[in-house]
């Protein structure tokens, strides 16, 4: 069974590549001794981008994997989802 995010795979990979570039940019900023606030601003942008990737994955998981499992009478995916949301919310 394929993961439910397959339909958004290209968008996810694009976002992750962009995030990877942002992280390299922050590394470069630190290497070049950029102003602290500028580095922190970029780190906040990276965190926001990662959160968006996570939210898209959660949405796909709910609409795909969880919904399908519940229709088949498998409630374990709901418990798994609750734990995943708890972990995601703590980050």
PDB file of N, CA and C in Angstrom:
ATOM      1  N   UNK A   1       0.839  -1.186   0.000  1.00  0.00           N
ATOM      2  CA  UNK A   1       0.000   0.000   0.000  1.00  0.00           C
ATOM      3  C   UNK A   1       0.885   1.250   0.000  1.00  0.00           C
ATOM      4  N   UNK A   2       0.601   2.166  -0.894  1.00  0.00           N
ATOM      5  CA  UNK A   2       1.370   3.403  -0.996  1.00  0.00           C
ATOM      6  C   UNK A   2       0.913   4.385   0.080  1.00  0.00           C
ATOM      7  N   UNK A   3       1.822   5.255   0.530  1.00  0.00           N
ATOM      8  CA  UNK A   3       1.415   6.260   1.517  1.00  0.00           C
ATOM      9  C   UNK A   3       0.450   7.255   0.891  1.00  0.00           C
ATOM     10  N   UNK A   4      -0.377   7.841   1.722  1.00  0.00           N
ATOM     11  CA  UNK A   4      -1.415   8.746   1.224  1.00  0.00           C
ATOM     12  C   UNK A   4      -0.866  10.060   0.677  1.00  0.00           C
ATOM     13  N   UNK A   5       0.379  10.379   0.947  1.00  0.00           N
ATOM     14  CA  UNK A   5       0.942  11.636   0.449  1.00  0.00           C
ATOM     15  C   UNK A   5       1.456  11.530  -0.985  1.00  0.00           C
ATOM     16  N   UNK A   6       1.306  10.378  -1.601  1.00  0.00           N
ATOM     17  CA  UNK A   6       1.830  10.171  -2.955  1.00  0.00           C
ATOM     18  C   UNK A   6       1.321  11.236  -3.920  1.00  0.00           C
ATOM     19  N   UNK A   7       0.072  11.638  -3.774  1.00  0.00           N
ATOM     20  CA  UNK A   7      -0.486  12.646  -4.692  1.00  0.00           C
ATOM     21  C   UNK A   7       0.199  14.001  -4.535  1.00  0.00           C
ATOM     22  N   UNK A   8       0.794  14.258  -3.370  1.00  0.00           N
ATOM     23  CA  UNK A   8       1.492  15.514  -3.113  1.00  0.00           C
ATOM     24  C   UNK A   8       3.010  15.346  -3.113  1.00  0.00           C
ATOM     25  N   UNK A   9       3.480  14.221  -3.582  1.00  0.00           N
ATOM     26  CA  UNK A   9       4.899  13.894  -3.534  1.00  0.00           C
ATOM     27  C   UNK A   9       5.767  14.971  -4.173  1.00  0.00           C
ATOM     28  N   UNK A  10       5.420  15.401  -5.358  1.00  0.00           N
ATOM     29  CA  UNK A  10       6.229  16.404  -6.052  1.00  0.00           C
ATOM     30  C   UNK A  10       6.260  17.720  -5.288  1.00  0.00           C
ATOM     31  N   UNK A  11       5.111  18.140  -4.772  1.00  0.00           N
ATOM     32  CA  UNK A  11       5.052  19.382  -3.987  1.00  0.00           C
ATOM     33  C   UNK A  11       5.887  19.260  -2.718  1.00  0.00           C
ATOM     34  N   UNK A  12       5.808  18.104  -2.073  1.00  0.00           N
ATOM     35  CA  UNK A  12       6.595  17.887  -0.859  1.00  0.00           C
ATOM     36  C   UNK A  12       8.095  17.924  -1.171  1.00  0.00           C
ATOM     37  N   UNK A  13       8.490  17.254  -2.235  1.00  0.00           N
ATOM     38  CA  UNK A  13       9.906  17.246  -2.599  1.00  0.00           C
ATOM     39  C   UNK A  13      10.396  18.646  -2.961  1.00  0.00           C
ATOM     40  N   UNK A  14       9.566  19.417  -3.636  1.00  0.00           N
ATOM     41  CA  UNK A  14       9.925  20.791  -3.980  1.00  0.00           C
ATOM     42  C   UNK A  14      10.120  21.620  -2.716  1.00  0.00           C
ATOM     43  N   UNK A  15       9.169  21.494  -1.787  1.00  0.00           N
ATOM     44  CA  UNK A  15       9.271  22.244  -0.530  1.00  0.00           C
ATOM     45  C   UNK A  15      10.504  21.819   0.260  1.00  0.00           C
ATOM     46  N   UNK A  16      10.760  20.516   0.313  1.00  0.00           N
ATOM     47  CA  UNK A  16      11.918  20.030   1.059  1.00  0.00           C
ATOM     48  C   UNK A  16      13.231  20.489   0.420  1.00  0.00           C
ATOM     49  N   UNK A  17      13.282  20.542  -0.887  1.00  0.00           N
ATOM     50  CA  UNK A  17      14.476  21.050  -1.573  1.00  0.00           C
ATOM     51  C   UNK A  17      14.690  22.522  -1.254  1.00  0.00           C
ATOM     52  N   UNK A  18      13.600  23.272  -1.215  1.00  0.00           N
ATOM     53  CA  UNK A  18      13.685  24.691  -0.877  1.00  0.00           C
ATOM     54  C   UNK A  18      14.194  24.860   0.557  1.00  0.00           C
ATOM     55  N   UNK A  19      13.677  24.029   1.463  1.00  0.00           N
ATOM     56  CA  UNK A  19      14.116  24.084   2.864  1.00  0.00           C
ATOM     57  C   UNK A  19      15.594  23.740   2.967  1.00  0.00           C
ATOM     58  N   UNK A  20      16.002  22.729   2.216  1.00  0.00           N
ATOM     59  CA  UNK A  20      17.411  22.339   2.201  1.00  0.00           C
ATOM     60  C   UNK A  20      18.282  23.519   1.772  1.00  0.00           C
ATOM     61  N   UNK A  21      17.827  24.245   0.768  1.00  0.00           N
ATOM     62  CA  UNK A  21      18.553  25.435   0.317  1.00  0.00           C
ATOM     63  C   UNK A  21      18.594  26.516   1.381  1.00  0.00           C
ATOM     64  N   UNK A  22      17.483  26.685   2.093  1.00  0.00           N
ATOM     65  CA  UNK A  22      17.443  27.677   3.172  1.00  0.00           C
ATOM     66  C   UNK A  22      18.445  27.307   4.273  1.00  0.00           C
ATOM     67  N   UNK A  23      18.523  26.027   4.609  1.00  0.00           N
ATOM     68  CA  UNK A  23      19.459  25.586   5.646  1.00  0.00           C
ATOM     69  C   UNK A  23      20.900  25.853   5.192  1.00  0.00           C
ATOM     70  N   UNK A  24      21.202  25.552   3.947  1.00  0.00           N
ATOM     71  CA  UNK A  24      22.544  25.855   3.434  1.00  0.00           C
ATOM     72  C   UNK A  24      22.814  27.353   3.494  1.00  0.00           C
ATOM     73  N   UNK A  25      21.785  28.150   3.210  1.00  0.00           N
ATOM     74  CA  UNK A  25      21.930  29.609   3.279  1.00  0.00           C
ATOM     75  C   UNK A  25      22.231  30.083   4.691  1.00  0.00           C
ATOM     76  N   UNK A  26      21.585  29.485   5.683  1.00  0.00           N
ATOM     77  CA  UNK A  26      21.848  29.855   7.076  1.00  0.00           C
ATOM     78  C   UNK A  26      23.271  29.457   7.455  1.00  0.00           C
ATOM     79  N   UNK A  27      23.697  28.304   7.020  1.00  0.00           N
ATOM     80  CA  UNK A  27      25.069  27.876   7.276  1.00  0.00           C
ATOM     81  C   UNK A  27      26.057  28.881   6.685  1.00  0.00           C
ATOM     82  N   UNK A  28      25.777  29.319   5.479  1.00  0.00           N
ATOM     83  CA  UNK A  28      26.628  30.305   4.813  1.00  0.00           C
ATOM     84  C   UNK A  28      26.617  31.630   5.589  1.00  0.00           C
ATOM     85  N   UNK A  29      25.421  32.013   6.072  1.00  0.00           N
ATOM     86  CA  UNK A  29      25.315  33.253   6.845  1.00  0.00           C
ATOM     87  C   UNK A  29      26.174  33.182   8.110  1.00  0.00           C
ATOM     88  N   UNK A  30      26.122  32.056   8.795  1.00  0.00           N
ATOM     89  CA  UNK A  30      26.928  31.882  10.007  1.00  0.00           C
ATOM     90  C   UNK A  30      28.418  31.921   9.655  1.00  0.00           C
ATOM     91  N   UNK A  31      28.774  31.237   8.574  1.00  0.00           N
ATOM     92  CA  UNK A  31      30.167  31.219   8.140  1.00  0.00           C
ATOM     93  C   UNK A  31      30.651  32.629   7.825  1.00  0.00           C
ATOM     94  N   UNK A  32      29.761  33.442   7.250  1.00  0.00           N
ATOM     95  CA  UNK A  32      30.114  34.820   6.880  1.00  0.00           C
ATOM     96  C   UNK A  32      29.853  35.807   8.014  1.00  0.00           C
ATOM     97  N   UNK A  33      29.479  35.278   9.190  1.00  0.00           N
ATOM     98  CA  UNK A  33      29.238  36.077  10.390  1.00  0.00           C
ATOM     99  C   UNK A  33      28.162  37.149  10.178  1.00  0.00           C
ATOM    100  N   UNK A  34      27.041  36.730   9.613  1.00  0.00           N
ATOM    101  CA  UNK A  34      25.909  37.633   9.397  1.00  0.00           C
ATOM    102  C   UNK A  34      25.330  38.071  10.750  1.00  0.00           C
ATOM    103  N   UNK A  35      24.590  39.141  10.721  1.00  0.00           N
ATOM    104  CA  UNK A  35      23.959  39.700  11.914  1.00  0.00           C
ATOM    105  C   UNK A  35      23.010  38.668  12.536  1.00  0.00           C
ATOM    106  N   UNK A  36      23.071  38.545  13.867  1.00  0.00           N
ATOM    107  CA  UNK A  36      22.317  37.523  14.606  1.00  0.00           C
ATOM    108  C   UNK A  36      20.830  37.511  14.244  1.00  0.00           C
ATOM    109  N   UNK A  37      20.217  38.666  14.226  1.00  0.00           N
ATOM    110  CA  UNK A  37      18.777  38.748  13.958  1.00  0.00           C
ATOM    111  C   UNK A  37      18.457  38.256  12.551  1.00  0.00           C
ATOM    112  N   UNK A  38      19.324  38.528  11.608  1.00  0.00           N
ATOM    113  CA  UNK A  38      19.109  38.038  10.242  1.00  0.00           C
ATOM    114  C   UNK A  38      19.149  36.511  10.195  1.00  0.00           C
ATOM    115  N   UNK A  39      20.083  35.905  10.935  1.00  0.00           N
ATOM    116  CA  UNK A  39      20.171  34.444  10.994  1.00  0.00           C
ATOM    117  C   UNK A  39      18.923  33.885  11.668  1.00  0.00           C
ATOM    118  N   UNK A  40      18.528  34.480  12.783  1.00  0.00           N
ATOM    119  CA  UNK A  40      17.328  34.023  13.494  1.00  0.00           C
ATOM    120  C   UNK A  40      16.075  34.145  12.630  1.00  0.00           C
ATOM    121  N   UNK A  41      15.986  35.187  11.848  1.00  0.00           N
ATOM    122  CA  UNK A  41      14.846  35.362  10.943  1.00  0.00           C
ATOM    123  C   UNK A  41      14.781  34.216   9.936  1.00  0.00           C
ATOM    124  N   UNK A  42      15.928  33.833   9.406  1.00  0.00           N
ATOM    125  CA  UNK A  42      15.964  32.735   8.444  1.00  0.00           C
ATOM    126  C   UNK A  42      15.634  31.400   9.112  1.00  0.00           C
ATOM    127  N   UNK A  43      16.083  31.223  10.355  1.00  0.00           N
ATOM    128  CA  UNK A  43      15.763  30.000  11.084  1.00  0.00           C
ATOM    129  C   UNK A  43      14.258  29.903  11.319  1.00  0.00           C
ATOM    130  N   UNK A  44      13.620  31.023  11.655  1.00  0.00           N
ATOM    131  CA  UNK A  44      12.161  31.023  11.828  1.00  0.00           C
ATOM    132  C   UNK A  44      11.450  30.679  10.527  1.00  0.00           C
ATOM    133  N   UNK A  45      11.976  31.163   9.412  1.00  0.00           N
ATOM    134  CA  UNK A  45      11.382  30.841   8.111  1.00  0.00           C
ATOM    135  C   UNK A  45      11.501  29.345   7.826  1.00  0.00           C
ATOM    136  N   UNK A  46      12.634  28.753   8.181  1.00  0.00           N
ATOM    137  CA  UNK A  46      12.829  27.311   7.990  1.00  0.00           C
ATOM    138  C   UNK A  46      11.849  26.528   8.849  1.00  0.00           C
ATOM    139  N   UNK A  47      11.698  26.937  10.103  1.00  0.00           N
ATOM    140  CA  UNK A  47      10.761  26.255  11.002  1.00  0.00           C
ATOM    141  C   UNK A  47       9.334  26.322  10.454  1.00  0.00           C
ATOM    142  N   UNK A  48       8.942  27.478   9.947  1.00  0.00           N
ATOM    143  CA  UNK A  48       7.601  27.625   9.382  1.00  0.00           C
ATOM    144  C   UNK A  48       7.419  26.737   8.156  1.00  0.00           C
ATOM    145  N   UNK A  49       8.437  26.653   7.329  1.00  0.00           N
ATOM    146  CA  UNK A  49       8.362  25.813   6.127  1.00  0.00           C
ATOM    147  C   UNK A  49       8.260  24.337   6.497  1.00  0.00           C
ATOM    148  N   UNK A  50       9.021  23.909   7.479  1.00  0.00           N
ATOM    149  CA  UNK A  50       8.957  22.515   7.945  1.00  0.00           C
ATOM    150  C   UNK A  50       7.571  22.220   8.511  1.00  0.00           C
ATOM    151  N   UNK A  51       7.022  23.167   9.270  1.00  0.00           N
ATOM    152  CA  UNK A  51       5.667  22.985   9.816  1.00  0.00           C
ATOM    153  C   UNK A  51       4.643  22.807   8.695  1.00  0.00           C
ATOM    154  N   UNK A  52       4.794  23.553   7.615  1.00  0.00           N
ATOM    155  CA  UNK A  52       3.867  23.426   6.490  1.00  0.00           C
ATOM    156  C   UNK A  52       3.975  22.054   5.833  1.00  0.00           C
ATOM    157  N   UNK A  53       5.179  21.541   5.716  1.00  0.00           N
ATOM    158  CA  UNK A  53       5.361  20.194   5.169  1.00  0.00           C
ATOM    159  C   UNK A  53       4.682  19.182   6.088  1.00  0.00           C
ATOM    160  N   UNK A  54       4.896  19.335   7.383  1.00  0.00           N
ATOM    161  CA  UNK A  54       4.271  18.439   8.354  1.00  0.00           C
ATOM    162  C   UNK A  54       2.761  18.488   8.304  1.00  0.00           C
ATOM    163  N   UNK A  55       2.207  19.688   8.192  1.00  0.00           N
ATOM    164  CA  UNK A  55       0.746  19.822   8.123  1.00  0.00           C
ATOM    165  C   UNK A  55       0.176  19.174   6.863  1.00  0.00           C
ATOM    166  N   UNK A  56       0.875  19.324   5.753  1.00  0.00           N
ATOM    167  CA  UNK A  56       0.418  18.685   4.515  1.00  0.00           C
ATOM    168  C   UNK A  56       0.451  17.166   4.658  1.00  0.00           C
ATOM    169  N   UNK A  57       1.506  16.643   5.271  1.00  0.00           N
ATOM    170  CA  UNK A  57       1.588  15.200   5.499  1.00  0.00           C
ATOM    171  C   UNK A  57       0.480  14.720   6.441  1.00  0.00           C
ATOM    172  N   UNK A  58       0.223  15.476   7.505  1.00  0.00           N
ATOM    173  CA  UNK A  58      -0.863  15.111   8.415  1.00  0.00           C
ATOM    174  C   UNK A  58      -2.213  15.111   7.706  1.00  0.00           C
ATOM    175  N   UNK A  59      -2.447  16.133   6.901  1.00  0.00           N
ATOM    176  CA  UNK A  59      -3.712  16.210   6.153  1.00  0.00           C
ATOM    177  C   UNK A  59      -3.877  15.001   5.238  1.00  0.00           C
ATOM    178  N   UNK A  60      -2.827  14.680   4.494  1.00  0.00           N
ATOM    179  CA  UNK A  60      -2.890  13.524   3.601  1.00  0.00           C
ATOM    180  C   UNK A  60      -3.100  12.234   4.387  1.00  0.00           C
ATOM    181  N   UNK A  61      -2.443  12.123   5.535  1.00  0.00           N
ATOM    182  CA  UNK A  61      -2.575  10.918   6.361  1.00  0.00           C
ATOM    183  C   UNK A  61      -4.019  10.767   6.866  1.00  0.00           C
ATOM    184  N   UNK A  62      -4.590  11.864   7.308  1.00  0.00           N
ATOM    185  CA  UNK A  62      -5.973  11.825   7.812  1.00  0.00           C
ATOM    186  C   UNK A  62      -6.946  11.467   6.691  1.00  0.00           C
ATOM    187  N   UNK A  63      -6.816  12.164   5.575  1.00  0.00           N
ATOM    188  CA  UNK A  63      -7.746  11.954   4.462  1.00  0.00           C
ATOM    189  C   UNK A  63      -7.546  10.614   3.769  1.00  0.00           C
ATOM    190  N   UNK A  64      -6.368  10.059   3.866  1.00  0.00           N
ATOM    191  CA  UNK A  64      -6.071   8.797   3.188  1.00  0.00           C
ATOM    192  C   UNK A  64      -6.028   7.621   4.135  1.00  0.00           C
ATOM    193  N   UNK A  65      -4.911   7.469   4.808  1.00  0.00           N
ATOM    194  CA  UNK A  65      -4.663   6.290   5.653  1.00  0.00           C
ATOM    195  C   UNK A  65      -5.693   6.132   6.769  1.00  0.00           C
ATOM    196  N   UNK A  66      -5.931   7.207   7.509  1.00  0.00           N
ATOM    197  CA  UNK A  66      -6.836   7.110   8.669  1.00  0.00           C
ATOM    198  C   UNK A  66      -8.266   6.854   8.214  1.00  0.00           C
ATOM    199  N   UNK A  67      -8.729   7.619   7.243  1.00  0.00           N
ATOM    200  CA  UNK A  67     -10.097   7.445   6.753  1.00  0.00           C
ATOM    201  C   UNK A  67     -10.321   6.038   6.224  1.00  0.00           C
ATOM    202  N   UNK A  68      -9.374   5.544   5.463  1.00  0.00           N
ATOM    203  CA  UNK A  68      -9.485   4.194   4.914  1.00  0.00           C
ATOM    204  C   UNK A  68      -9.516   3.145   6.026  1.00  0.00           C
ATOM    205  N   UNK A  69      -8.647   3.303   7.011  1.00  0.00           N
ATOM    206  CA  UNK A  69      -8.607   2.341   8.119  1.00  0.00           C
ATOM    207  C   UNK A  69      -9.902   2.349   8.919  1.00  0.00           C
ATOM    208  N   UNK A  70     -10.433   3.531   9.189  1.00  0.00           N
ATOM    209  CA  UNK A  70     -11.685   3.635   9.960  1.00  0.00           C
ATOM    210  C   UNK A  70     -12.836   2.989   9.197  1.00  0.00           C
ATOM    211  N   UNK A  71     -12.887   3.207   7.895  1.00  0.00           N
ATOM    212  CA  UNK A  71     -13.935   2.580   7.075  1.00  0.00           C
ATOM    213  C   UNK A  71     -13.866   1.058   7.151  1.00  0.00           C
ATOM    214  N   UNK A  72     -12.660   0.541   7.346  1.00  0.00           N
ATOM    215  CA  UNK A  72     -12.467  -0.905   7.435  1.00  0.00           C
ATOM    216  C   UNK A  72     -12.576  -1.413   8.874  1.00  0.00           C
ATOM    217  N   UNK A  73     -12.905  -0.504   9.783  1.00  0.00           N
ATOM    218  CA  UNK A  73     -13.087  -0.890  11.180  1.00  0.00           C
ATOM    219  C   UNK A  73     -11.816  -0.918  12.008  1.00  0.00           C
ATOM    220  N   UNK A  74     -10.720  -0.402  11.464  1.00  0.00           N
ATOM    221  CA  UNK A  74      -9.441  -0.392  12.167  1.00  0.00           C
ATOM    222  C   UNK A  74      -9.264   0.951  12.865  1.00  0.00           C
ATOM    223  N   UNK A  75      -9.452   0.971  14.179  1.00  0.00           N
ATOM    224  CA  UNK A  75      -9.329   2.200  14.952  1.00  0.00           C
ATOM    225  C   UNK A  75      -7.881   2.495  15.362  1.00  0.00           C
ATOM    226  N   UNK A  76      -6.975   1.572  15.128  1.00  0.00           N
ATOM    227  CA  UNK A  76      -5.586   1.773  15.558  1.00  0.00           C
ATOM    228  C   UNK A  76      -4.939   2.984  14.877  1.00  0.00           C
ATOM    229  N   UNK A  77      -5.368   3.287  13.658  1.00  0.00           N
ATOM    230  CA  UNK A  77      -4.819   4.447  12.953  1.00  0.00           C
ATOM    231  C   UNK A  77      -5.218   5.749  13.635  1.00  0.00           C
ATOM    232  N   UNK A  78      -6.362   5.762  14.293  1.00  0.00           N
ATOM    233  CA  UNK A  78      -6.800   6.958  15.022  1.00  0.00           C
ATOM    234  C   UNK A  78      -5.864   7.184  16.206  1.00  0.00           C
ATOM    235  N   UNK A  79      -5.563   6.121  16.942  1.00  0.00           N
ATOM    236  CA  UNK A  79      -4.632   6.232  18.062  1.00  0.00           C
ATOM    237  C   UNK A  79      -3.253   6.681  17.584  1.00  0.00           C
ATOM    238  N   UNK A  80      -2.827   6.108  16.490  1.00  0.00           N
ATOM    239  CA  UNK A  80      -1.540   6.481  15.899  1.00  0.00           C
ATOM    240  C   UNK A  80      -1.532   7.960  15.512  1.00  0.00           C
ATOM    241  N   UNK A  81      -2.641   8.424  14.944  1.00  0.00           N
ATOM    242  CA  UNK A  81      -2.771   9.823  14.542  1.00  0.00           C
ATOM    243  C   UNK A  81      -2.697  10.749  15.751  1.00  0.00           C
ATOM    244  N   UNK A  82      -3.395  10.394  16.814  1.00  0.00           N
ATOM    245  CA  UNK A  82      -3.385  11.227  18.022  1.00  0.00           C
ATOM    246  C   UNK A  82      -1.949  11.381  18.525  1.00  0.00           C
ATOM    247  N   UNK A  83      -1.211  10.299  18.564  1.00  0.00           N
ATOM    248  CA  UNK A  83       0.183  10.353  19.018  1.00  0.00           C
ATOM    249  C   UNK A  83       1.042  11.206  18.075  1.00  0.00           C
ATOM    250  N   UNK A  84       0.791  11.078  16.786  1.00  0.00           N
ATOM    251  CA  UNK A  84       1.559  11.876  15.820  1.00  0.00           C
ATOM    252  C   UNK A  84       1.261  13.362  15.980  1.00  0.00           C
ATOM    253  N   UNK A  85       0.006  13.715  16.192  1.00  0.00           N
ATOM    254  CA  UNK A  85      -0.362  15.117  16.394  1.00  0.00           C
ATOM    255  C   UNK A  85       0.263  15.639  17.678  1.00  0.00           C
ATOM    256  N   UNK A  86       0.261  14.825  18.724  1.00  0.00           N
ATOM    257  CA  UNK A  86       0.894  15.228  19.978  1.00  0.00           C
ATOM    258  C   UNK A  86       2.383  15.524  19.766  1.00  0.00           C
ATOM    259  N   UNK A  87       3.072  14.650  19.037  1.00  0.00           N
ATOM    260  CA  UNK A  87       4.498  14.870  18.765  1.00  0.00           C
ATOM    261  C   UNK A  87       4.693  16.120  17.918  1.00  0.00           C
ATOM    262  N   UNK A  88       3.856  16.303  16.935  1.00  0.00           N
ATOM    263  CA  UNK A  88       3.957  17.443  16.031  1.00  0.00           C
ATOM    264  C   UNK A  88       3.705  18.741  16.789  1.00  0.00           C
ATOM    265  N   UNK A  89       2.739  18.732  17.697  1.00  0.00           N
ATOM    266  CA  UNK A  89       2.389  19.942  18.453  1.00  0.00           C
ATOM    267  C   UNK A  89       3.484  20.341  19.437  1.00  0.00           C
ATOM    268  N   UNK A  90       4.256  19.373  19.916  1.00  0.00           N
ATOM    269  CA  UNK A  90       5.333  19.673  20.861  1.00  0.00           C
ATOM    270  C   UNK A  90       6.523  20.347  20.183  1.00  0.00           C
ATOM    271  N   UNK A  91       6.670  20.134  18.906  1.00  0.00           N
ATOM    272  CA  UNK A  91       7.844  20.655  18.200  1.00  0.00           C
ATOM    273  C   UNK A  91       7.858  22.159  18.133  1.00  0.00           C
TER     274      UNK A  91
END
